[in-house]
Amino acid sequence: MANSNSNNSNKNSSNNNDNNSKMSYEEAGRKGGEKTARTHDKEFYQEIGEKGGEATSENHDKKFYQEIGAKGGSNSSNSNGSSNSSNSSSSNSSNNNNS
């Protein structure tokens, strides 16, 4: 399965070369995110997270939070009682190592 990911990366790279060396949106986003992570600290992410939370609360009512809370509650635990978010973050970190 790991080979298919590396093959896709190679295909994307060759496609970029075929398109006059234009960068894909995916690659541009990845590079931008990596640079942001290198040039900003934990406080930066806390501040933008707080701003996002404030904007969300201004744009949504109590019912919205009840609905997403119910969805999160039903999807956040598996049979052994651990949360899916920790499982997804470990899979995300393994995906980041492949690039």
C-alpha atoms as a PDB file:
ATOM      1  CA  MET A   1       0.000   0.000   0.000  1.00  0.00           C
ATOM      2  CA  ALA A   2       2.872   2.367   0.734  1.00  0.00           C
ATOM      3  CA  ASN A   3       4.075   1.831  -2.804  1.00  0.00           C
ATOM      4  CA  SER A   4       0.823   3.172  -4.217  1.00  0.00           C
ATOM      5  CA  ASN A   5       1.297   6.404  -2.242  1.00  0.00           C
ATOM      6  CA  SER A   6       4.817   6.843  -3.524  1.00  0.00           C
ATOM      7  CA  ASN A   7       3.640   6.057  -7.044  1.00  0.00           C
ATOM      8  CA  ASN A   8       0.972   8.729  -6.724  1.00  0.00           C
ATOM      9  CA  SER A   9       3.602  11.209  -5.557  1.00  0.00           C
ATOM     10  CA  ASN A  10       5.737  10.366  -8.557  1.00  0.00           C
ATOM     11  CA  LYS A  11       2.765  10.772 -10.885  1.00  0.00           C
ATOM     12  CA  ASN A  12       1.965  14.152  -9.335  1.00  0.00           C
ATOM     13  CA  SER A  13       5.552  15.248  -9.763  1.00  0.00           C
ATOM     14  CA  SER A  14       5.611  14.173 -13.383  1.00  0.00           C
ATOM     15  CA  ASN A  15       2.282  15.903 -13.989  1.00  0.00           C
ATOM     16  CA  ASN A  16       3.742  19.083 -12.517  1.00  0.00           C
ATOM     17  CA  ASN A  17       6.681  18.846 -14.903  1.00  0.00           C
ATOM     18  CA  ASP A  18       4.331  18.266 -17.834  1.00  0.00           C
ATOM     19  CA  ASN A  19       2.381  21.423 -16.925  1.00  0.00           C
ATOM     20  CA  ASN A  20       5.309  23.822 -17.348  1.00  0.00           C
ATOM     21  CA  SER A  21       6.496  23.108 -13.800  1.00  0.00           C
ATOM     22  CA  LYS A  22       3.271  24.465 -12.272  1.00  0.00           C
ATOM     23  CA  MET A  23       2.708  23.410  -8.690  1.00  0.00           C
ATOM     24  CA  SER A  24      -0.540  21.616  -7.835  1.00  0.00           C
ATOM     25  CA  TYR A  25      -2.916  23.111  -5.291  1.00  0.00           C
ATOM     26  CA  GLU A  26      -2.209  20.121  -3.073  1.00  0.00           C
ATOM     27  CA  GLU A  27       1.534  20.675  -3.185  1.00  0.00           C
ATOM     28  CA  ALA A  28       1.178  24.435  -2.682  1.00  0.00           C
ATOM     29  CA  GLY A  29      -1.016  23.870   0.367  1.00  0.00           C
ATOM     30  CA  ARG A  30       1.366  21.317   1.821  1.00  0.00           C
ATOM     31  CA  LYS A  31       4.381  23.571   1.326  1.00  0.00           C
ATOM     32  CA  GLY A  32       2.553  26.555   2.768  1.00  0.00           C
ATOM     33  CA  GLY A  33       1.449  24.570   5.800  1.00  0.00           C
ATOM     34  CA  GLU A  34       4.959  23.271   6.393  1.00  0.00           C
ATOM     35  CA  LYS A  35       6.428  26.769   6.210  1.00  0.00           C
ATOM     36  CA  THR A  36       3.769  28.124   8.564  1.00  0.00           C
ATOM     37  CA  ALA A  37       4.555  25.342  11.023  1.00  0.00           C
ATOM     38  CA  ARG A  38       8.259  26.209  10.874  1.00  0.00           C
ATOM     39  CA  THR A  39       7.803  29.958  11.268  1.00  0.00           C
ATOM     40  CA  HIS A  40       5.057  30.099  13.924  1.00  0.00           C
ATOM     41  CA  ASP A  41       4.907  28.875  17.491  1.00  0.00           C
ATOM     42  CA  LYS A  42       2.260  27.274  19.680  1.00  0.00           C
ATOM     43  CA  GLU A  43       0.898  30.676  20.717  1.00  0.00           C
ATOM     44  CA  PHE A  44       0.125  31.543  17.077  1.00  0.00           C
ATOM     45  CA  TYR A  45      -1.983  28.413  16.655  1.00  0.00           C
ATOM     46  CA  GLN A  46      -3.740  29.046  19.971  1.00  0.00           C
ATOM     47  CA  GLU A  47      -4.624  32.580  18.874  1.00  0.00           C
ATOM     48  CA  ILE A  48      -5.984  31.584  15.467  1.00  0.00           C
ATOM     49  CA  GLY A  49      -7.902  28.717  17.062  1.00  0.00           C
ATOM     50  CA  GLU A  50      -9.480  31.124  19.533  1.00  0.00           C
ATOM     51  CA  LYS A  51     -10.403  33.533  16.725  1.00  0.00           C
ATOM     52  CA  GLY A  52     -11.937  30.675  14.751  1.00  0.00           C
ATOM     53  CA  GLY A  53     -13.918  29.541  17.763  1.00  0.00           C
ATOM     54  CA  GLU A  54     -15.212  33.067  18.366  1.00  0.00           C
ATOM     55  CA  ALA A  55     -16.223  33.445  14.716  1.00  0.00           C
ATOM     56  CA  THR A  56     -17.995  30.086  14.803  1.00  0.00           C
ATOM     57  CA  SER A  57     -19.906  31.023  17.957  1.00  0.00           C
ATOM     58  CA  GLU A  58     -20.996  34.310  16.360  1.00  0.00           C
ATOM     59  CA  ASN A  59     -22.281  32.528  13.265  1.00  0.00           C
ATOM     60  CA  HIS A  60     -24.009  29.520  14.857  1.00  0.00           C
ATOM     61  CA  ASP A  61     -26.656  28.987  17.495  1.00  0.00           C
ATOM     62  CA  LYS A  62     -27.072  26.541  20.369  1.00  0.00           C
ATOM     63  CA  LYS A  63     -28.698  23.943  18.104  1.00  0.00           C
ATOM     64  CA  PHE A  64     -25.537  23.790  15.931  1.00  0.00           C
ATOM     65  CA  TYR A  65     -23.378  22.949  18.941  1.00  0.00           C
ATOM     66  CA  GLN A  66     -25.884  20.358  20.139  1.00  0.00           C
ATOM     67  CA  GLU A  67     -25.808  18.666  16.735  1.00  0.00           C
ATOM     68  CA  ILE A  68     -22.028  18.586  16.412  1.00  0.00           C
ATOM     69  CA  GLY A  69     -21.736  17.515  20.042  1.00  0.00           C
ATOM     70  CA  ALA A  70     -24.057  14.584  19.404  1.00  0.00           C
ATOM     71  CA  LYS A  71     -22.106  13.619  16.286  1.00  0.00           C
ATOM     72  CA  GLY A  72     -18.792  13.857  18.112  1.00  0.00           C
ATOM     73  CA  GLY A  73     -20.109  11.891  21.048  1.00  0.00           C
ATOM     74  CA  SER A  74     -21.348   9.066  18.841  1.00  0.00           C
ATOM     75  CA  ASN A  75     -18.173   8.965  16.730  1.00  0.00           C
ATOM     76  CA  SER A  76     -15.500   9.718  19.291  1.00  0.00           C
ATOM     77  CA  SER A  77     -15.102   6.335  20.962  1.00  0.00           C
ATOM     78  CA  ASN A  78     -14.512   2.862  19.653  1.00  0.00           C
ATOM     79  CA  SER A  79     -14.876  -0.555  21.282  1.00  0.00           C
ATOM     80  CA  ASN A  80     -11.836  -0.181  23.555  1.00  0.00           C
ATOM     81  CA  GLY A  81     -12.943   3.232  24.815  1.00  0.00           C
ATOM     82  CA  SER A  82     -10.198   5.303  23.213  1.00  0.00           C
ATOM     83  CA  SER A  83     -11.081   8.308  21.101  1.00  0.00           C
ATOM     84  CA  ASN A  84     -10.911   8.278  17.329  1.00  0.00           C
ATOM     85  CA  SER A  85      -9.121  11.606  17.349  1.00  0.00           C
ATOM     86  CA  SER A  86      -5.990  10.018  18.767  1.00  0.00           C
ATOM     87  CA  ASN A  87      -6.235   7.258  16.197  1.00  0.00           C
ATOM     88  CA  SER A  88      -6.663   9.713  13.351  1.00  0.00           C
ATOM     89  CA  SER A  89      -3.780  11.870  14.510  1.00  0.00           C
ATOM     90  CA  SER A  90      -1.470   8.879  14.551  1.00  0.00           C
ATOM     91  CA  SER A  91      -2.533   7.983  11.021  1.00  0.00           C
ATOM     92  CA  ASN A  92      -2.067  11.607   9.974  1.00  0.00           C
ATOM     93  CA  SER A  93       1.432  11.695  11.363  1.00  0.00           C
ATOM     94  CA  SER A  94       2.311   8.522   9.484  1.00  0.00           C
ATOM     95  CA  ASN A  95       0.979  10.131   6.300  1.00  0.00           C
ATOM     96  CA  ASN A  96       3.127  13.184   6.911  1.00  0.00           C
ATOM     97  CA  ASN A  97       6.214  11.006   7.165  1.00  0.00           C
ATOM     98  CA  ASN A  98       5.649   9.662   3.666  1.00  0.00           C
ATOM     99  CA  SER A  99       6.036  13.011   1.926  1.00  0.00           C
END
